[in-house]
Amino acid sequence: MNVSGLLGFLAAVALIVWGMVAKGDPLSIFVDYQSLAIVFGGTFGALFMAFPFKVIKNVPKMIWMTIRPKKYNPQYYIDQMVEYAKIARSKSLLALEDSANDCKDPFMKSSLMLIVDANDSDRVKSMLDDAIDFMCERHEENVSIFDKGSALSPAFGMIGTLLGLIIMLKNLSQDQSKLGEGMSVALITTFYGSIFSNLICAPISTRLKAIHKEEVLCMQIVEEGALAIISGANPRYIKEKLEFMLPKSSTKGNEEK
């Protein structure tokens, strides 16, 4: 569970609500269904127009991923590749086939099978690079919907502001009682757009990008380890080489052991 993310979200909501009611005003004055329709309806409609359904249907999965993200431990991947290097060095590259069958990580399993089936470093590197690039394209497409939502919602908030001003100005010389209604729609739509953009879309996008970077790092570790195994490098050398890919602070504890 992404505890820090949930605490941050709840804290932000609580402080915003506190700011809304701090002077004793009821929350009901901040509820306007027309403004909600403009901001959320307009944003979702534009997103459905901009993205294919295969991307839209991944939105719940992406949101859930930020709540319960998959943990990527680079040091675990390093240790695994070092163990496979020891097997290859003490036995042979073909002995890695049994290890591949027991491997649960799909990319690592594919890398081991490539070592066994096509132990040409250039060919293996090309295929693994392509696999990483294709994954990056898929992730970028999924994350872009939240980036676009973050940009669209304030824009629709501005549309609501313009509509409210139009209503207000139209009734300026006629029905003075509608001035407050027009100004309310004008300001609340901007409020809704800012909340949707900065409290929902932008944080989700940032979190997904961070998870993506962690996954790419682990895949790069596997790739470098696979190429080092093919070259017949010493397991200790492989470990030192792969640990150079990590911040020094993350390998300090492992070195002390």
Protein backbone atom coordinates (compact mmCIF):
# COMPACT_ATOMS: atom_id res chain seq x y z
CA MET A 1 0.00 0.00 0.00
CA ASN A 2 1.29 3.45 -0.95
CA VAL A 3 0.79 4.82 2.57
CA SER A 4 2.63 8.10 2.00
CA GLY A 5 0.56 8.83 -1.10
CA LEU A 6 -2.73 8.15 0.67
CA LEU A 7 -1.69 10.23 3.68
CA GLY A 8 -0.67 13.07 1.40
CA PHE A 9 -3.99 12.94 -0.46
CA LEU A 10 -6.05 12.82 2.74
CA ALA A 11 -4.01 15.63 4.29
CA ALA A 12 -4.51 17.81 1.20
CA VAL A 13 -8.26 17.14 1.16
CA ALA A 14 -8.57 17.80 4.90
CA LEU A 15 -6.70 21.11 4.69
CA ILE A 16 -8.71 22.25 1.68
CA VAL A 17 -11.99 21.40 3.42
CA TRP A 18 -10.77 23.15 6.57
CA GLY A 19 -9.99 26.24 4.51
CA MET A 20 -13.48 26.12 2.99
CA VAL A 21 -15.31 25.98 6.33
CA ALA A 22 -12.84 27.86 8.55
CA LYS A 23 -15.02 30.99 8.63
CA GLY A 24 -18.18 29.08 9.43
CA ASP A 25 -19.57 28.84 5.90
CA PRO A 26 -21.37 25.59 5.00
CA LEU A 27 -19.77 23.25 2.46
CA SER A 28 -22.95 23.41 0.39
CA ILE A 29 -21.97 26.82 -0.99
CA PHE A 30 -19.05 25.14 -2.75
CA VAL A 31 -21.30 22.64 -4.54
CA ASP A 32 -22.52 23.63 -7.98
CA TYR A 33 -23.71 20.87 -10.28
CA GLN A 34 -23.46 23.02 -13.41
CA SER A 35 -19.80 23.68 -12.66
CA LEU A 36 -19.19 19.98 -12.01
CA ALA A 37 -20.78 19.12 -15.34
CA ILE A 38 -18.65 21.68 -17.18
CA VAL A 39 -15.33 20.64 -15.66
CA PHE A 40 -15.65 16.87 -15.25
CA GLY A 41 -17.99 16.27 -18.18
CA GLY A 42 -15.90 18.44 -20.48
CA THR A 43 -12.60 16.90 -19.35
CA PHE A 44 -13.77 13.29 -19.66
CA GLY A 45 -15.44 13.99 -22.99
CA ALA A 46 -12.26 15.53 -24.39
CA LEU A 47 -10.17 12.61 -23.10
CA PHE A 48 -12.50 10.11 -24.78
CA MET A 49 -12.08 12.05 -28.01
CA ALA A 50 -8.29 12.23 -27.70
CA PHE A 51 -7.44 8.65 -26.66
CA PRO A 52 -8.46 5.22 -27.97
CA PHE A 53 -10.55 2.97 -25.76
CA LYS A 54 -7.60 0.63 -25.14
CA VAL A 55 -5.95 3.48 -23.22
CA ILE A 56 -9.14 4.66 -21.51
CA LYS A 57 -9.85 1.21 -20.09
CA ASN A 58 -6.42 1.15 -18.41
CA VAL A 59 -7.23 4.21 -16.26
CA PRO A 60 -8.64 2.24 -13.27
CA LYS A 61 -5.63 -0.08 -13.41
CA MET A 62 -3.23 2.88 -13.44
CA ILE A 63 -4.98 4.51 -10.48
CA TRP A 64 -4.87 1.25 -8.53
CA MET A 65 -1.17 0.93 -9.36
CA THR A 66 -0.50 4.23 -7.57
CA ILE A 67 -2.38 2.96 -4.51
CA ARG A 68 -0.79 -0.49 -4.43
CA PRO A 69 2.37 -0.16 -6.55
CA LYS A 70 4.51 -3.13 -7.45
CA LYS A 71 7.77 -3.03 -5.53
CA TYR A 72 10.96 -3.08 -7.58
CA ASN A 73 14.11 -3.90 -5.63
CA PRO A 74 17.19 -3.29 -7.82
CA GLN A 75 19.47 -5.05 -5.35
CA TYR A 76 17.37 -8.21 -5.66
CA TYR A 77 17.82 -8.16 -9.44
CA ILE A 78 21.57 -7.70 -9.03
CA ASP A 79 21.80 -10.63 -6.63
CA GLN A 80 19.77 -12.81 -9.00
CA MET A 81 21.94 -12.00 -12.01
CA VAL A 82 25.08 -12.69 -9.95
CA GLU A 83 23.67 -16.11 -8.98
CA TYR A 84 22.92 -16.88 -12.62
CA ALA A 85 26.45 -15.80 -13.53
CA LYS A 86 27.82 -18.27 -10.99
CA ILE A 87 25.72 -21.07 -12.50
CA ALA A 88 26.86 -20.21 -16.02
CA ARG A 89 30.49 -20.02 -14.94
CA SER A 90 30.53 -23.25 -12.92
CA LYS A 91 28.44 -25.27 -15.37
CA SER A 92 27.54 -23.74 -18.72
CA LEU A 93 25.19 -21.26 -20.36
CA LEU A 94 22.82 -24.11 -21.17
CA ALA A 95 22.42 -24.78 -17.45
CA LEU A 96 20.54 -21.47 -17.18
CA GLU A 97 17.52 -23.02 -18.90
CA ASP A 98 16.45 -24.72 -15.68
CA SER A 99 16.86 -21.43 -13.80
CA ALA A 100 14.77 -19.66 -16.44
CA ASN A 101 11.93 -22.12 -15.98
CA ASP A 102 11.85 -21.30 -12.25
CA CYS A 103 12.10 -17.53 -12.77
CA LYS A 104 8.91 -15.57 -12.02
CA ASP A 105 9.95 -12.25 -13.55
CA PRO A 106 8.93 -12.33 -17.26
CA PHE A 107 11.71 -10.04 -18.50
CA MET A 108 14.40 -11.85 -16.54
CA LYS A 109 13.09 -15.19 -17.77
CA SER A 110 13.17 -13.98 -21.38
CA SER A 111 16.71 -12.70 -20.89
CA LEU A 112 17.91 -16.06 -19.58
CA MET A 113 16.27 -17.89 -22.46
CA LEU A 114 17.96 -15.54 -24.91
CA ILE A 115 21.31 -16.34 -23.30
CA VAL A 116 20.62 -20.03 -23.81
CA ASP A 117 19.07 -19.88 -27.29
CA ALA A 118 21.00 -17.03 -28.91
CA ASN A 119 24.22 -16.44 -27.02
CA ASP A 120 25.31 -13.67 -29.36
CA SER A 121 25.70 -10.47 -27.33
CA ASP A 122 24.71 -8.09 -30.14
CA ARG A 123 21.55 -10.04 -30.90
CA VAL A 124 20.60 -10.33 -27.24
CA LYS A 125 21.25 -6.62 -26.64
CA SER A 126 19.13 -5.65 -29.65
CA MET A 127 16.17 -7.76 -28.53
CA LEU A 128 16.32 -6.61 -24.92
CA ASP A 129 16.65 -2.96 -25.97
CA ASP A 130 13.57 -3.38 -28.16
CA ALA A 131 11.62 -4.94 -25.29
CA ILE A 132 12.49 -2.01 -23.00
CA ASP A 133 11.64 0.55 -25.69
CA PHE A 134 8.25 -1.03 -26.42
CA MET A 135 7.44 -1.09 -22.72
CA CYS A 136 8.38 2.58 -22.41
CA GLU A 137 6.05 3.46 -25.30
CA ARG A 138 3.14 1.61 -23.67
CA HIS A 139 3.75 3.26 -20.31
CA GLU A 140 4.11 6.69 -21.88
CA GLU A 141 0.77 6.27 -23.63
CA ASN A 142 -0.94 5.25 -20.38
CA VAL A 143 0.58 8.11 -18.39
CA SER A 144 -0.17 10.71 -21.07
CA ILE A 145 -3.91 10.50 -20.38
CA PHE A 146 -3.31 11.88 -16.88
CA ASP A 147 -0.99 14.58 -18.23
CA LYS A 148 -3.67 15.57 -20.70
CA GLY A 149 -6.34 15.50 -17.98
CA SER A 150 -4.15 17.76 -15.85
CA ALA A 151 -3.98 20.24 -18.74
CA LEU A 152 -7.63 20.02 -19.81
CA SER A 153 -9.39 20.38 -16.45
CA PRO A 154 -8.13 23.95 -15.74
CA ALA A 155 -9.03 24.84 -19.33
CA PHE A 156 -12.61 23.68 -18.82
CA GLY A 157 -12.57 25.53 -15.52
CA MET A 158 -11.76 28.65 -17.52
CA ILE A 159 -14.62 27.86 -19.91
CA GLY A 160 -16.94 27.75 -16.90
CA THR A 161 -15.50 31.05 -15.72
CA LEU A 162 -16.26 32.65 -19.08
CA LEU A 163 -19.81 31.26 -19.03
CA GLY A 164 -20.34 32.63 -15.53
CA LEU A 165 -19.07 36.04 -16.55
CA ILE A 166 -21.32 36.04 -19.60
CA ILE A 167 -24.34 35.25 -17.39
CA MET A 168 -23.31 37.94 -14.92
CA LEU A 169 -22.77 40.64 -17.54
CA LYS A 170 -25.95 39.75 -19.42
CA ASN A 171 -28.00 40.32 -16.29
CA LEU A 172 -26.04 43.32 -15.09
CA SER A 173 -28.64 45.80 -16.29
CA GLN A 174 -31.65 43.51 -15.91
CA ASP A 175 -31.97 41.10 -13.00
CA GLN A 176 -29.47 42.08 -10.31
CA SER A 177 -30.32 38.96 -8.29
CA LYS A 178 -28.49 36.74 -10.82
CA LEU A 179 -25.18 38.51 -10.46
CA GLY A 180 -24.18 36.34 -7.53
CA GLU A 181 -25.17 33.17 -9.39
CA GLY A 182 -23.08 34.10 -12.40
CA MET A 183 -20.06 34.99 -10.29
CA SER A 184 -20.46 31.73 -8.35
CA VAL A 185 -20.35 29.63 -11.53
CA ALA A 186 -17.40 31.68 -12.75
CA LEU A 187 -15.28 31.08 -9.67
CA ILE A 188 -16.31 27.55 -8.67
CA THR A 189 -15.55 26.05 -12.09
CA THR A 190 -12.00 27.39 -11.84
CA PHE A 191 -11.80 25.90 -8.35
CA TYR A 192 -12.98 22.48 -9.56
CA GLY A 193 -10.59 22.53 -12.50
CA SER A 194 -7.61 23.35 -10.28
CA ILE A 195 -8.52 20.64 -7.76
CA PHE A 196 -8.95 17.96 -10.43
CA SER A 197 -5.68 18.92 -12.10
CA ASN A 198 -3.39 19.43 -9.11
CA LEU A 199 -4.79 16.96 -6.59
CA ILE A 200 -5.71 14.02 -8.84
CA CYS A 201 -4.26 14.00 -12.37
CA ALA A 202 -0.82 15.52 -11.77
CA PRO A 203 0.08 13.42 -8.67
CA ILE A 204 -1.06 10.21 -10.37
CA SER A 205 1.03 11.03 -13.43
CA THR A 206 4.11 11.81 -11.32
CA ARG A 207 3.73 8.62 -9.29
CA LEU A 208 3.33 6.47 -12.41
CA LYS A 209 6.46 7.99 -13.92
CA ALA A 210 8.40 7.18 -10.74
CA ILE A 211 7.20 3.56 -10.84
CA HIS A 212 8.16 3.39 -14.51
CA LYS A 213 11.69 4.58 -13.77
CA GLU A 214 12.09 1.92 -11.08
CA GLU A 215 10.95 -0.81 -13.48
CA VAL A 216 13.22 0.41 -16.29
CA LEU A 217 16.21 0.45 -13.93
CA CYS A 218 15.59 -3.17 -12.95
CA MET A 219 15.22 -4.17 -16.60
CA GLN A 220 18.48 -2.41 -17.45
CA ILE A 221 20.19 -4.28 -14.62
CA VAL A 222 18.93 -7.55 -16.05
CA GLU A 223 20.10 -6.58 -19.53
CA GLU A 224 23.59 -5.58 -18.41
CA GLY A 225 23.85 -8.71 -16.31
CA ALA A 226 22.77 -10.91 -19.22
CA LEU A 227 25.37 -9.36 -21.53
CA ALA A 228 28.05 -9.79 -18.87
CA ILE A 229 27.10 -13.46 -18.44
CA ILE A 230 27.39 -14.03 -22.19
CA SER A 231 30.86 -12.48 -22.17
CA GLY A 232 31.90 -14.90 -19.41
CA ALA A 233 32.65 -12.18 -16.88
CA ASN A 234 33.51 -13.01 -13.28
CA PRO A 235 30.43 -12.91 -10.98
CA ARG A 236 32.18 -10.52 -8.61
CA TYR A 237 32.94 -8.17 -11.49
CA ILE A 238 29.30 -8.39 -12.61
CA LYS A 239 28.08 -7.48 -9.15
CA GLU A 240 30.37 -4.46 -8.93
CA LYS A 241 29.41 -3.35 -12.43
CA LEU A 242 25.67 -3.59 -11.76
CA GLU A 243 25.92 -1.85 -8.40
CA PHE A 244 27.45 1.15 -10.16
CA MET A 245 23.97 1.65 -11.65
CA LEU A 246 22.55 2.31 -8.16
CA PRO A 247 23.03 5.27 -5.82
CA LYS A 248 25.92 4.66 -3.44
CA SER A 249 23.62 4.89 -0.41
CA SER A 250 21.48 1.97 -1.64
CA THR A 251 24.48 -0.38 -1.89
CA LYS A 252 26.20 0.67 1.34
CA GLY A 253 24.18 -1.66 3.55
CA ASN A 254 24.78 -4.57 1.22
CA GLU A 255 28.54 -3.95 1.21
CA GLU A 256 28.63 -3.96 5.02
CA LYS A 257 27.07 -7.42 5.04
